[in-house]
PDB file of N, CA and C in Angstrom:
ATOM      1  N   UNK A   1      22.400  -0.935   4.198  1.00  0.00           N
ATOM      2  CA  UNK A   1      23.450  -0.621   3.345  1.00  0.00           C
ATOM      3  C   UNK A   1      23.128   1.042   3.391  1.00  0.00           C
ATOM      4  N   UNK A   2      22.185   0.968   3.544  1.00  0.00           N
ATOM      5  CA  UNK A   2      21.692   2.730   3.606  1.00  0.00           C
ATOM      6  C   UNK A   2      22.327   3.396   4.721  1.00  0.00           C
ATOM      7  N   UNK A   3      22.237   2.867   5.931  1.00  0.00           N
ATOM      8  CA  UNK A   3      22.904   3.438   6.951  1.00  0.00           C
ATOM      9  C   UNK A   3      24.528   3.524   6.454  1.00  0.00           C
ATOM     10  N   UNK A   4      25.438   2.323   5.896  1.00  0.00           N
ATOM     11  CA  UNK A   4      26.755   2.956   6.067  1.00  0.00           C
ATOM     12  C   UNK A   4      26.844   4.121   4.025  1.00  0.00           C
ATOM     13  N   UNK A   5      26.027   3.857   3.599  1.00  0.00           N
ATOM     14  CA  UNK A   5      26.380   4.514   2.223  1.00  0.00           C
ATOM     15  C   UNK A   5      25.886   6.369   2.790  1.00  0.00           C
ATOM     16  N   UNK A   6      24.712   6.820   3.447  1.00  0.00           N
ATOM     17  CA  UNK A   6      24.078   7.900   3.500  1.00  0.00           C
ATOM     18  C   UNK A   6      24.026   8.082   4.821  1.00  0.00           C
ATOM     19  N   UNK A   7      25.050   7.137   5.817  1.00  0.00           N
ATOM     20  CA  UNK A   7      24.936   7.354   6.936  1.00  0.00           C
ATOM     21  C   UNK A   7      23.629   8.042   8.030  1.00  0.00           C
ATOM     22  N   UNK A   8      22.504   7.725   7.421  1.00  0.00           N
ATOM     23  CA  UNK A   8      21.156   8.681   8.470  1.00  0.00           C
ATOM     24  C   UNK A   8      20.424   7.315   8.723  1.00  0.00           C
ATOM     25  N   UNK A   9      20.112   7.725  10.405  1.00  0.00           N
ATOM     26  CA  UNK A   9      19.146   6.281  10.618  1.00  0.00           C
ATOM     27  C   UNK A   9      18.160   6.487  10.407  1.00  0.00           C
ATOM     28  N   UNK A  10      17.633   7.819  10.045  1.00  0.00           N
ATOM     29  CA  UNK A  10      16.149   7.557   9.492  1.00  0.00           C
ATOM     30  C   UNK A  10      15.776   7.208   8.115  1.00  0.00           C
ATOM     31  N   UNK A  11      16.647   7.343   7.694  1.00  0.00           N
ATOM     32  CA  UNK A  11      16.809   6.322   6.095  1.00  0.00           C
ATOM     33  C   UNK A  11      16.677   5.269   6.306  1.00  0.00           C
ATOM     34  N   UNK A  12      17.605   4.806   7.392  1.00  0.00           N
ATOM     35  CA  UNK A  12      16.496   3.026   7.306  1.00  0.00           C
ATOM     36  C   UNK A  12      15.573   2.809   8.205  1.00  0.00           C
ATOM     37  N   UNK A  13      15.266   3.164   8.502  1.00  0.00           N
ATOM     38  CA  UNK A  13      13.588   3.373   9.579  1.00  0.00           C
ATOM     39  C   UNK A  13      13.082   3.268   8.287  1.00  0.00           C
ATOM     40  N   UNK A  14      12.832   4.327   7.325  1.00  0.00           N
ATOM     41  CA  UNK A  14      12.141   4.547   5.863  1.00  0.00           C
ATOM     42  C   UNK A  14      12.041   3.280   5.288  1.00  0.00           C
ATOM     43  N   UNK A  15      13.027   2.911   5.513  1.00  0.00           N
ATOM     44  CA  UNK A  15      13.510   1.795   4.367  1.00  0.00           C
ATOM     45  C   UNK A  15      12.830   0.092   5.302  1.00  0.00           C
ATOM     46  N   UNK A  16      13.229   0.211   6.084  1.00  0.00           N
ATOM     47  CA  UNK A  16      12.522  -0.473   7.310  1.00  0.00           C
ATOM     48  C   UNK A  16      10.804  -0.997   7.718  1.00  0.00           C
ATOM     49  N   UNK A  17      10.416   0.033   7.460  1.00  0.00           N
ATOM     50  CA  UNK A  17       8.839   0.558   7.497  1.00  0.00           C
ATOM     51  C   UNK A  17       8.245   0.000   6.058  1.00  0.00           C
ATOM     52  N   UNK A  18       9.035   0.815   5.119  1.00  0.00           N
ATOM     53  CA  UNK A  18       8.499   0.422   4.189  1.00  0.00           C
ATOM     54  C   UNK A  18       8.293  -0.711   3.770  1.00  0.00           C
ATOM     55  N   UNK A  19       9.366  -1.826   3.602  1.00  0.00           N
ATOM     56  CA  UNK A  19       9.784  -3.195   3.470  1.00  0.00           C
ATOM     57  C   UNK A  19       8.457  -3.902   4.405  1.00  0.00           C
ATOM     58  N   UNK A  20       8.570  -3.188   5.640  1.00  0.00           N
ATOM     59  CA  UNK A  20       7.496  -4.296   6.675  1.00  0.00           C
ATOM     60  C   UNK A  20       6.219  -4.338   6.340  1.00  0.00           C
ATOM     61  N   UNK A  21       5.892  -2.944   6.340  1.00  0.00           N
ATOM     62  CA  UNK A  21       4.677  -2.157   5.884  1.00  0.00           C
ATOM     63  C   UNK A  21       4.033  -3.340   4.273  1.00  0.00           C
ATOM     64  N   UNK A  22       5.033  -3.027   3.504  1.00  0.00           N
ATOM     65  CA  UNK A  22       4.567  -4.028   1.970  1.00  0.00           C
ATOM     66  C   UNK A  22       4.436  -4.863   2.087  1.00  0.00           C
ATOM     67  N   UNK A  23       4.949  -6.165   2.991  1.00  0.00           N
ATOM     68  CA  UNK A  23       5.060  -7.583   3.300  1.00  0.00           C
ATOM     69  C   UNK A  23       3.983  -7.625   3.631  1.00  0.00           C
ATOM     70  N   UNK A  24       3.414  -6.878   4.931  1.00  0.00           N
ATOM     71  CA  UNK A  24       2.624  -6.989   5.997  1.00  0.00           C
ATOM     72  C   UNK A  24       1.372  -6.981   5.251  1.00  0.00           C
ATOM     73  N   UNK A  25       0.962  -5.565   4.660  1.00  0.00           N
ATOM     74  CA  UNK A  25       0.041  -5.200   3.593  1.00  0.00           C
ATOM     75  C   UNK A  25      -0.397  -6.448   2.380  1.00  0.00           C
ATOM     76  N   UNK A  26       1.044  -6.938   1.603  1.00  0.00           N
ATOM     77  CA  UNK A  26       0.537  -7.626   0.678  1.00  0.00           C
ATOM     78  C   UNK A  26      -0.018  -9.409   1.042  1.00  0.00           C
ATOM     79  N   UNK A  27       0.013  -9.451   2.476  1.00  0.00           N
ATOM     80  CA  UNK A  27      -0.212 -10.982   3.418  1.00  0.00           C
ATOM     81  C   UNK A  27      -1.515 -10.449   3.483  1.00  0.00           C
ATOM     82  N   UNK A  28      -1.860  -9.471   4.210  1.00  0.00           N
ATOM     83  CA  UNK A  28      -3.711  -9.199   3.912  1.00  0.00           C
ATOM     84  C   UNK A  28      -4.343  -9.341   3.233  1.00  0.00           C
ATOM     85  N   UNK A  29      -3.909  -8.835   2.201  1.00  0.00           N
ATOM     86  CA  UNK A  29      -4.436  -8.206   0.868  1.00  0.00           C
ATOM     87  C   UNK A  29      -4.311  -9.608   0.409  1.00  0.00           C
ATOM     88  N   UNK A  30      -3.775 -10.534  -0.203  1.00  0.00           N
ATOM     89  CA  UNK A  30      -3.650 -11.810  -0.237  1.00  0.00           C
ATOM     90  C   UNK A  30      -4.350 -13.049   0.223  1.00  0.00           C
ATOM     91  N   UNK A  31      -4.447 -12.683   1.255  1.00  0.00           N
ATOM     92  CA  UNK A  31      -5.870 -13.764   1.826  1.00  0.00           C
ATOM     93  C   UNK A  31      -7.099 -13.140   1.668  1.00  0.00           C
ATOM     94  N   UNK A  32      -7.312 -11.485   1.855  1.00  0.00           N
ATOM     95  CA  UNK A  32      -8.787 -11.388   2.108  1.00  0.00           C
ATOM     96  C   UNK A  32      -9.319 -11.506   1.021  1.00  0.00           C
ATOM     97  N   UNK A  33      -7.961 -10.951  -0.332  1.00  0.00           N
ATOM     98  CA  UNK A  33      -9.061 -10.933  -1.825  1.00  0.00           C
ATOM     99  C   UNK A  33      -9.721 -12.750  -2.043  1.00  0.00           C
ATOM    100  N   UNK A  34      -8.658 -13.663  -2.243  1.00  0.00           N
ATOM    101  CA  UNK A  34      -9.947 -14.911  -2.476  1.00  0.00           C
ATOM    102  C   UNK A  34     -11.283 -14.650  -1.931  1.00  0.00           C
ATOM    103  N   UNK A  35     -11.522 -14.492  -0.819  1.00  0.00           N
ATOM    104  CA  UNK A  35     -12.706 -14.277   0.380  1.00  0.00           C
ATOM    105  C   UNK A  35     -13.732 -13.227  -0.109  1.00  0.00           C
ATOM    106  N   UNK A  36     -12.954 -12.063  -0.409  1.00  0.00           N
ATOM    107  CA  UNK A  36     -13.980 -11.358  -0.952  1.00  0.00           C
ATOM    108  C   UNK A  36     -14.738 -11.402  -2.195  1.00  0.00           C
ATOM    109  N   UNK A  37     -14.271 -12.077  -3.216  1.00  0.00           N
ATOM    110  CA  UNK A  37     -14.406 -11.998  -4.404  1.00  0.00           C
ATOM    111  C   UNK A  37     -15.045 -13.754  -4.710  1.00  0.00           C
ATOM    112  N   UNK A  38     -15.305 -14.400  -3.374  1.00  0.00           N
ATOM    113  CA  UNK A  38     -16.259 -15.340  -3.445  1.00  0.00           C
ATOM    114  C   UNK A  38     -17.399 -15.049  -2.826  1.00  0.00           C
ATOM    115  N   UNK A  39     -17.335 -13.926  -2.152  1.00  0.00           N
ATOM    116  CA  UNK A  39     -18.580 -13.505  -1.273  1.00  0.00           C
ATOM    117  C   UNK A  39     -19.312 -12.924  -2.288  1.00  0.00           C
ATOM    118  N   UNK A  40     -18.659 -12.233  -3.848  1.00  0.00           N
ATOM    119  CA  UNK A  40     -19.092 -11.528  -4.489  1.00  0.00           C
ATOM    120  C   UNK A  40     -19.627 -12.241  -5.346  1.00  0.00           C
ATOM    121  N   UNK A  41     -19.538 -13.532  -5.288  1.00  0.00           N
ATOM    122  CA  UNK A  41     -19.981 -15.066  -6.075  1.00  0.00           C
ATOM    123  C   UNK A  41     -19.217 -14.660  -7.640  1.00  0.00           C
ATOM    124  N   UNK A  42     -17.597 -14.313  -7.607  1.00  0.00           N
ATOM    125  CA  UNK A  42     -16.875 -14.061  -8.725  1.00  0.00           C
ATOM    126  C   UNK A  42     -15.936 -15.257  -8.145  1.00  0.00           C
ATOM    127  N   UNK A  43     -14.969 -15.627  -9.653  1.00  0.00           N
ATOM    128  CA  UNK A  43     -13.883 -16.834  -9.800  1.00  0.00           C
ATOM    129  C   UNK A  43     -12.926 -16.192  -9.109  1.00  0.00           C
ATOM    130  N   UNK A  44     -12.743 -16.565  -7.707  1.00  0.00           N
ATOM    131  CA  UNK A  44     -11.687 -16.147  -6.701  1.00  0.00           C
ATOM    132  C   UNK A  44     -10.098 -16.190  -7.555  1.00  0.00           C
ATOM    133  N   UNK A  45      -9.836 -17.647  -8.057  1.00  0.00           N
ATOM    134  CA  UNK A  45      -8.616 -18.252  -8.605  1.00  0.00           C
ATOM    135  C   UNK A  45      -8.139 -17.593  -9.398  1.00  0.00           C
ATOM    136  N   UNK A  46      -9.073 -16.669 -10.562  1.00  0.00           N
ATOM    137  CA  UNK A  46      -8.744 -16.082 -11.829  1.00  0.00           C
ATOM    138  C   UNK A  46      -8.194 -14.636 -11.579  1.00  0.00           C
ATOM    139  N   UNK A  47      -9.199 -14.028 -10.730  1.00  0.00           N
ATOM    140  CA  UNK A  47      -9.060 -12.750 -10.377  1.00  0.00           C
ATOM    141  C   UNK A  47      -8.084 -12.157  -9.246  1.00  0.00           C
ATOM    142  N   UNK A  48      -8.237 -12.781  -8.311  1.00  0.00           N
ATOM    143  CA  UNK A  48      -7.415 -13.041  -7.126  1.00  0.00           C
ATOM    144  C   UNK A  48      -6.100 -12.214  -7.324  1.00  0.00           C
ATOM    145  N   UNK A  49      -5.364 -13.143  -7.817  1.00  0.00           N
ATOM    146  CA  UNK A  49      -3.968 -12.621  -8.363  1.00  0.00           C
ATOM    147  C   UNK A  49      -3.614 -11.188  -9.345  1.00  0.00           C
ATOM    148  N   UNK A  50      -3.593 -10.905  -9.930  1.00  0.00           N
ATOM    149  CA  UNK A  50      -3.735  -9.508 -10.658  1.00  0.00           C
ATOM    150  C   UNK A  50      -4.211  -8.508 -10.101  1.00  0.00           C
ATOM    151  N   UNK A  51      -5.272  -8.899  -8.936  1.00  0.00           N
ATOM    152  CA  UNK A  51      -6.221  -7.747  -8.243  1.00  0.00           C
ATOM    153  C   UNK A  51      -5.290  -7.977  -6.892  1.00  0.00           C
ATOM    154  N   UNK A  52      -4.825  -8.643  -6.423  1.00  0.00           N
ATOM    155  CA  UNK A  52      -4.237  -8.676  -5.136  1.00  0.00           C
ATOM    156  C   UNK A  52      -2.936  -7.916  -5.386  1.00  0.00           C
ATOM    157  N   UNK A  53      -2.362  -8.063  -6.273  1.00  0.00           N
ATOM    158  CA  UNK A  53      -0.962  -7.405  -7.065  1.00  0.00           C
ATOM    159  C   UNK A  53      -0.475  -6.179  -7.418  1.00  0.00           C
ATOM    160  N   UNK A  54      -1.370  -5.968  -7.514  1.00  0.00           N
ATOM    161  CA  UNK A  54      -1.584  -4.669  -8.292  1.00  0.00           C
ATOM    162  C   UNK A  54      -1.884  -3.590  -6.624  1.00  0.00           C
ATOM    163  N   UNK A  55      -3.029  -3.969  -5.803  1.00  0.00           N
ATOM    164  CA  UNK A  55      -3.284  -3.695  -4.816  1.00  0.00           C
ATOM    165  C   UNK A  55      -2.469  -3.467  -3.831  1.00  0.00           C
ATOM    166  N   UNK A  56      -1.733  -4.945  -3.463  1.00  0.00           N
ATOM    167  CA  UNK A  56      -0.175  -4.450  -2.586  1.00  0.00           C
ATOM    168  C   UNK A  56       0.917  -3.944  -2.972  1.00  0.00           C
ATOM    169  N   UNK A  57       0.880  -3.411  -4.260  1.00  0.00           N
ATOM    170  CA  UNK A  57       1.865  -2.506  -4.893  1.00  0.00           C
ATOM    171  C   UNK A  57       1.351  -1.304  -4.540  1.00  0.00           C
ATOM    172  N   UNK A  58       0.313  -0.990  -4.641  1.00  0.00           N
ATOM    173  CA  UNK A  58      -0.238   0.525  -4.534  1.00  0.00           C
ATOM    174  C   UNK A  58      -0.041   0.666  -2.327  1.00  0.00           C
ATOM    175  N   UNK A  59      -0.606  -0.339  -2.063  1.00  0.00           N
ATOM    176  CA  UNK A  59      -0.300  -0.008  -0.328  1.00  0.00           C
ATOM    177  C   UNK A  59       1.422   0.209  -0.336  1.00  0.00           C
ATOM    178  N   UNK A  60       1.990  -0.474  -0.647  1.00  0.00           N
ATOM    179  CA  UNK A  60       3.314  -0.911  -0.593  1.00  0.00           C
ATOM    180  C   UNK A  60       4.093   0.617  -1.065  1.00  0.00           C
ATOM    181  N   UNK A  61       3.683   1.403  -1.936  1.00  0.00           N
ATOM    182  CA  UNK A  61       4.436   2.645  -2.420  1.00  0.00           C
ATOM    183  C   UNK A  61       3.622   3.414  -1.310  1.00  0.00           C
ATOM    184  N   UNK A  62       2.244   3.274  -1.196  1.00  0.00           N
ATOM    185  CA  UNK A  62       1.380   4.425  -0.203  1.00  0.00           C
ATOM    186  C   UNK A  62       2.319   4.883   0.858  1.00  0.00           C
ATOM    187  N   UNK A  63       2.739   3.382   1.976  1.00  0.00           N
ATOM    188  CA  UNK A  63       3.226   3.293   3.233  1.00  0.00           C
ATOM    189  C   UNK A  63       5.059   3.841   2.924  1.00  0.00           C
ATOM    190  N   UNK A  64       5.498   3.628   2.100  1.00  0.00           N
ATOM    191  CA  UNK A  64       6.424   4.002   1.857  1.00  0.00           C
ATOM    192  C   UNK A  64       6.491   5.690   1.637  1.00  0.00           C
ATOM    193  N   UNK A  65       6.064   6.034   0.934  1.00  0.00           N
ATOM    194  CA  UNK A  65       6.103   7.259   0.541  1.00  0.00           C
ATOM    195  C   UNK A  65       5.660   8.256   1.301  1.00  0.00           C
ATOM    196  N   UNK A  66       4.804   7.766   2.342  1.00  0.00           N
ATOM    197  CA  UNK A  66       4.239   8.518   3.609  1.00  0.00           C
ATOM    198  C   UNK A  66       4.981   8.141   4.120  1.00  0.00           C
ATOM    199  N   UNK A  67       5.629   7.305   4.873  1.00  0.00           N
ATOM    200  CA  UNK A  67       6.579   7.461   6.252  1.00  0.00           C
ATOM    201  C   UNK A  67       7.755   8.102   5.664  1.00  0.00           C
ATOM    202  N   UNK A  68       8.452   8.290   4.317  1.00  0.00           N
ATOM    203  CA  UNK A  68       9.416   8.819   4.175  1.00  0.00           C
ATOM    204  C   UNK A  68       9.000  10.434   4.088  1.00  0.00           C
ATOM    205  N   UNK A  69       8.179  10.719   3.586  1.00  0.00           N
ATOM    206  CA  UNK A  69       7.491  12.136   4.176  1.00  0.00           C
ATOM    207  C   UNK A  69       7.479  12.933   5.071  1.00  0.00           C
ATOM    208  N   UNK A  70       6.770  11.584   6.140  1.00  0.00           N
ATOM    209  CA  UNK A  70       6.760  11.824   7.404  1.00  0.00           C
ATOM    210  C   UNK A  70       7.823  12.226   8.212  1.00  0.00           C
ATOM    211  N   UNK A  71       8.922  11.643   7.675  1.00  0.00           N
ATOM    212  CA  UNK A  71      10.156  11.399   8.471  1.00  0.00           C
ATOM    213  C   UNK A  71      11.099  12.515   7.960  1.00  0.00           C
ATOM    214  N   UNK A  72      11.615  12.624   6.789  1.00  0.00           N
ATOM    215  CA  UNK A  72      12.504  13.567   6.254  1.00  0.00           C
ATOM    216  C   UNK A  72      12.070  14.361   6.141  1.00  0.00           C
ATOM    217  N   UNK A  73      10.495  14.969   6.135  1.00  0.00           N
ATOM    218  CA  UNK A  73      10.261  16.093   5.602  1.00  0.00           C
ATOM    219  C   UNK A  73      10.430  16.952   7.158  1.00  0.00           C
ATOM    220  N   UNK A  74      10.252  16.716   8.126  1.00  0.00           N
ATOM    221  CA  UNK A  74      10.508  17.596   9.588  1.00  0.00           C
ATOM    222  C   UNK A  74      11.875  18.038   9.933  1.00  0.00           C
TER     223      UNK A  74
END
């Protein structure tokens, strides 16, 4: 839709990298967070959900904004 609406390939690439990076980070954080909490002798079922969600959201925004700045600023 970005290609049709805005006509720019860079915008499409930014959206693609942001979505792909966000999904990949969410998968890694979702798998790693319960294991890290278990190593720290915490209850992984209680804390892993909210912590993993917040961390994956922050990483998704970081990837999206960094990619957009890198591609569109120059």
